Amino acid sequence: MRKKIKDDEGMIGPKGREYEIDLYITDGESLIFEIKSYAEEEDVERFNDKAELAKKKLNLKSAKKAIITLEKHPSFVRFCEQMGIEVG
C-alpha cells in the first residue's frame, strides 16, 4: 500500500509537509520499503527519516525497514545495516 503521512511537528522537514511511503502489512508484521534502481547514502538517510516518521505516526513499533535496489556495494550495505535497514 502506498500511504501519505503528514509531518505535523516538523520532525524531518517543514511542519505540515506530506511524505509518501510504501507499506506492506501481513499477519501482524509491517515492512516500510523503498524501491530504487540506484540508491546513494543520501537516499538512505531520507528514506530512514520517512520510515521513522511513519513508525511514529502509524504506531508501527516493530516495523522493519528495507531498500530494494539493483546496486548493492558493500559500503552501501554496511551503511544501511547501521541504520537498521535491510537491503534487497
N, C-alpha and C. Protein backbone atom coordinates (compact mmCIF):
# COMPACT_ATOMS: atom_id res chain seq x y z
N MET A 1 0.84 -1.16 0.00
CA MET A 1 0.00 0.00 0.00
C MET A 1 0.90 1.23 0.00
N ARG A 2 0.53 2.18 -0.79
CA ARG A 2 1.21 3.48 -0.78
C ARG A 2 0.39 4.39 0.13
N LYS A 3 1.09 5.06 1.06
CA LYS A 3 0.40 5.87 2.06
C LYS A 3 1.09 7.21 2.21
N LYS A 4 0.30 8.24 2.40
CA LYS A 4 0.85 9.57 2.68
C LYS A 4 0.77 9.81 4.18
N ILE A 5 1.86 10.38 4.70
CA ILE A 5 1.88 10.76 6.11
C ILE A 5 2.26 12.23 6.20
N LYS A 6 1.70 12.89 7.19
CA LYS A 6 1.93 14.32 7.36
C LYS A 6 2.82 14.55 8.58
N ASP A 7 3.84 15.35 8.40
CA ASP A 7 4.78 15.68 9.46
C ASP A 7 4.26 16.92 10.18
N ASP A 8 3.32 16.72 11.11
CA ASP A 8 2.69 17.83 11.81
C ASP A 8 3.66 18.61 12.69
N GLU A 9 4.64 17.91 13.28
CA GLU A 9 5.56 18.55 14.21
C GLU A 9 6.83 19.08 13.55
N GLY A 10 7.06 18.74 12.29
CA GLY A 10 8.29 19.15 11.64
C GLY A 10 9.48 18.31 12.07
N MET A 11 9.25 17.01 12.29
CA MET A 11 10.32 16.10 12.73
C MET A 11 11.43 15.97 11.70
N ILE A 12 11.06 15.91 10.41
CA ILE A 12 12.08 15.67 9.38
C ILE A 12 12.12 16.75 8.31
N GLY A 13 11.29 17.73 8.44
CA GLY A 13 11.24 18.82 7.46
C GLY A 13 10.27 19.88 7.95
N PRO A 14 9.82 20.73 7.05
CA PRO A 14 8.88 21.78 7.44
C PRO A 14 7.59 21.21 8.01
N LYS A 15 7.05 21.86 9.03
CA LYS A 15 5.78 21.42 9.62
C LYS A 15 4.71 21.37 8.54
N GLY A 16 3.92 20.29 8.57
CA GLY A 16 2.80 20.15 7.65
C GLY A 16 3.14 19.50 6.32
N ARG A 17 4.41 19.25 6.04
CA ARG A 17 4.78 18.62 4.77
C ARG A 17 4.33 17.16 4.76
N GLU A 18 3.85 16.71 3.60
CA GLU A 18 3.43 15.32 3.44
C GLU A 18 4.52 14.52 2.74
N TYR A 19 4.64 13.26 3.16
CA TYR A 19 5.60 12.32 2.58
C TYR A 19 4.86 11.06 2.18
N GLU A 20 5.36 10.41 1.17
CA GLU A 20 4.75 9.18 0.69
C GLU A 20 5.65 8.00 1.05
N ILE A 21 5.02 6.95 1.58
CA ILE A 21 5.76 5.74 1.93
C ILE A 21 5.08 4.54 1.29
N ASP A 22 5.85 3.47 1.14
CA ASP A 22 5.31 2.19 0.70
C ASP A 22 5.32 1.28 1.91
N LEU A 23 4.20 0.62 2.14
CA LEU A 23 3.99 -0.14 3.36
C LEU A 23 3.37 -1.48 3.02
N TYR A 24 3.90 -2.54 3.62
CA TYR A 24 3.37 -3.88 3.45
C TYR A 24 3.07 -4.44 4.83
N ILE A 25 1.83 -4.82 5.07
CA ILE A 25 1.43 -5.36 6.37
C ILE A 25 0.75 -6.71 6.14
N THR A 26 1.23 -7.72 6.87
CA THR A 26 0.62 -9.04 6.78
C THR A 26 0.82 -9.78 8.10
N ASP A 27 -0.19 -10.45 8.56
CA ASP A 27 -0.12 -11.27 9.78
C ASP A 27 0.56 -10.55 10.94
N GLY A 28 0.25 -9.29 11.11
CA GLY A 28 0.81 -8.53 12.22
C GLY A 28 2.22 -8.02 12.02
N GLU A 29 2.85 -8.31 10.88
CA GLU A 29 4.19 -7.80 10.59
C GLU A 29 4.09 -6.63 9.63
N SER A 30 4.94 -5.65 9.82
CA SER A 30 4.93 -4.46 8.98
C SER A 30 6.29 -4.26 8.34
N LEU A 31 6.28 -3.82 7.09
CA LEU A 31 7.51 -3.52 6.36
C LEU A 31 7.32 -2.19 5.65
N ILE A 32 8.21 -1.26 5.93
CA ILE A 32 8.25 0.02 5.22
C ILE A 32 9.40 -0.10 4.24
N PHE A 33 9.13 0.12 2.96
CA PHE A 33 10.17 -0.13 1.97
C PHE A 33 10.22 0.94 0.90
N GLU A 34 11.34 0.94 0.18
CA GLU A 34 11.55 1.84 -0.94
C GLU A 34 12.25 1.05 -2.04
N ILE A 35 11.84 1.26 -3.28
CA ILE A 35 12.46 0.59 -4.41
C ILE A 35 13.15 1.65 -5.26
N LYS A 36 14.45 1.43 -5.49
CA LYS A 36 15.24 2.37 -6.29
C LYS A 36 16.18 1.56 -7.17
N SER A 37 16.31 1.95 -8.42
CA SER A 37 17.27 1.25 -9.27
C SER A 37 18.69 1.50 -8.78
N TYR A 38 18.95 2.70 -8.28
CA TYR A 38 20.25 3.05 -7.72
C TYR A 38 20.01 3.95 -6.51
N ALA A 39 20.65 3.65 -5.41
CA ALA A 39 20.47 4.45 -4.20
C ALA A 39 21.82 4.86 -3.64
N GLU A 40 21.89 6.08 -3.16
CA GLU A 40 23.08 6.60 -2.51
C GLU A 40 22.80 6.79 -1.03
N GLU A 41 23.85 7.10 -0.26
CA GLU A 41 23.69 7.26 1.18
C GLU A 41 22.65 8.33 1.52
N GLU A 42 22.60 9.40 0.75
CA GLU A 42 21.60 10.46 0.99
C GLU A 42 20.18 9.91 0.84
N ASP A 43 19.98 9.02 -0.14
CA ASP A 43 18.67 8.39 -0.33
C ASP A 43 18.31 7.54 0.89
N VAL A 44 19.31 6.85 1.43
CA VAL A 44 19.09 6.01 2.60
C VAL A 44 18.70 6.86 3.80
N GLU A 45 19.40 7.97 4.00
CA GLU A 45 19.09 8.86 5.11
C GLU A 45 17.68 9.42 4.99
N ARG A 46 17.31 9.85 3.79
CA ARG A 46 15.97 10.40 3.55
C ARG A 46 14.90 9.34 3.80
N PHE A 47 15.14 8.13 3.29
CA PHE A 47 14.20 7.04 3.50
C PHE A 47 14.07 6.71 4.98
N ASN A 48 15.20 6.66 5.68
CA ASN A 48 15.16 6.35 7.11
C ASN A 48 14.34 7.39 7.88
N ASP A 49 14.52 8.66 7.55
CA ASP A 49 13.73 9.72 8.19
C ASP A 49 12.23 9.49 7.97
N LYS A 50 11.84 9.21 6.73
CA LYS A 50 10.43 8.97 6.42
C LYS A 50 9.91 7.73 7.13
N ALA A 51 10.71 6.68 7.16
CA ALA A 51 10.30 5.43 7.81
C ALA A 51 10.11 5.64 9.32
N GLU A 52 11.02 6.36 9.95
CA GLU A 52 10.89 6.61 11.39
C GLU A 52 9.66 7.48 11.68
N LEU A 53 9.39 8.45 10.81
CA LEU A 53 8.19 9.27 10.96
C LEU A 53 6.95 8.39 10.83
N ALA A 54 6.93 7.51 9.84
CA ALA A 54 5.79 6.61 9.64
C ALA A 54 5.59 5.69 10.84
N LYS A 55 6.69 5.16 11.38
CA LYS A 55 6.58 4.28 12.54
C LYS A 55 5.92 5.01 13.71
N LYS A 56 6.30 6.26 13.90
CA LYS A 56 5.72 7.05 15.00
C LYS A 56 4.26 7.39 14.72
N LYS A 57 3.99 7.93 13.53
CA LYS A 57 2.64 8.40 13.20
C LYS A 57 1.62 7.26 13.11
N LEU A 58 2.06 6.09 12.62
CA LEU A 58 1.15 4.97 12.41
C LEU A 58 1.25 3.92 13.52
N ASN A 59 2.04 4.23 14.55
CA ASN A 59 2.22 3.34 15.70
C ASN A 59 2.68 1.94 15.26
N LEU A 60 3.72 1.90 14.43
CA LEU A 60 4.28 0.65 13.92
C LEU A 60 5.61 0.38 14.63
N LYS A 61 5.54 0.07 15.91
CA LYS A 61 6.75 -0.04 16.73
C LYS A 61 7.76 -1.06 16.21
N SER A 62 7.29 -2.18 15.70
CA SER A 62 8.22 -3.23 15.29
C SER A 62 8.35 -3.34 13.76
N ALA A 63 7.99 -2.29 13.06
CA ALA A 63 8.08 -2.33 11.59
C ALA A 63 9.54 -2.45 11.14
N LYS A 64 9.75 -3.28 10.14
CA LYS A 64 11.07 -3.40 9.53
C LYS A 64 11.19 -2.38 8.42
N LYS A 65 12.44 -2.00 8.11
CA LYS A 65 12.70 -1.05 7.04
C LYS A 65 13.56 -1.76 5.99
N ALA A 66 13.25 -1.52 4.70
CA ALA A 66 14.03 -2.17 3.64
C ALA A 66 14.13 -1.27 2.42
N ILE A 67 15.29 -1.34 1.78
CA ILE A 67 15.51 -0.70 0.49
C ILE A 67 15.81 -1.80 -0.51
N ILE A 68 15.07 -1.80 -1.60
CA ILE A 68 15.28 -2.76 -2.68
C ILE A 68 15.96 -2.00 -3.81
N THR A 69 17.15 -2.47 -4.20
CA THR A 69 17.92 -1.76 -5.22
C THR A 69 18.77 -2.74 -6.03
N LEU A 70 19.12 -2.35 -7.24
CA LEU A 70 19.97 -3.17 -8.09
C LEU A 70 21.43 -3.08 -7.68
N GLU A 71 21.85 -1.90 -7.24
CA GLU A 71 23.24 -1.65 -6.85
C GLU A 71 23.41 -1.95 -5.37
N LYS A 72 24.30 -2.88 -5.03
CA LYS A 72 24.50 -3.24 -3.62
C LYS A 72 25.99 -3.28 -3.28
N HIS A 73 26.64 -2.15 -3.36
CA HIS A 73 28.05 -2.08 -2.99
C HIS A 73 28.20 -2.38 -1.50
N PRO A 74 29.27 -3.06 -1.10
CA PRO A 74 29.45 -3.41 0.31
C PRO A 74 29.36 -2.21 1.26
N SER A 75 29.91 -1.07 0.89
CA SER A 75 29.84 0.10 1.77
C SER A 75 28.41 0.59 1.91
N PHE A 76 27.63 0.48 0.85
CA PHE A 76 26.22 0.86 0.89
C PHE A 76 25.45 -0.07 1.84
N VAL A 77 25.69 -1.35 1.71
CA VAL A 77 25.01 -2.33 2.56
C VAL A 77 25.37 -2.10 4.03
N ARG A 78 26.64 -1.83 4.33
CA ARG A 78 27.06 -1.55 5.72
C ARG A 78 26.36 -0.30 6.25
N PHE A 79 26.27 0.74 5.42
CA PHE A 79 25.60 1.98 5.83
C PHE A 79 24.14 1.70 6.17
N CYS A 80 23.47 0.93 5.36
CA CYS A 80 22.07 0.57 5.61
C CYS A 80 21.94 -0.22 6.91
N GLU A 81 22.83 -1.18 7.11
CA GLU A 81 22.78 -2.01 8.31
C GLU A 81 22.94 -1.15 9.56
N GLN A 82 23.80 -0.12 9.50
CA GLN A 82 23.99 0.78 10.65
C GLN A 82 22.70 1.50 11.00
N MET A 83 21.83 1.71 10.03
CA MET A 83 20.57 2.41 10.27
C MET A 83 19.41 1.45 10.50
N GLY A 84 19.71 0.16 10.53
CA GLY A 84 18.65 -0.83 10.76
C GLY A 84 17.79 -1.08 9.54
N ILE A 85 18.37 -0.89 8.35
CA ILE A 85 17.63 -1.05 7.11
C ILE A 85 18.15 -2.29 6.38
N GLU A 86 17.23 -3.17 6.02
CA GLU A 86 17.58 -4.35 5.25
C GLU A 86 17.74 -3.96 3.78
N VAL A 87 18.60 -4.66 3.05
CA VAL A 87 18.82 -4.38 1.64
C VAL A 87 18.41 -5.61 0.84
N GLY A 88 17.61 -5.39 -0.19
CA GLY A 88 17.16 -6.50 -1.03
C GLY A 88 17.43 -6.22 -2.48
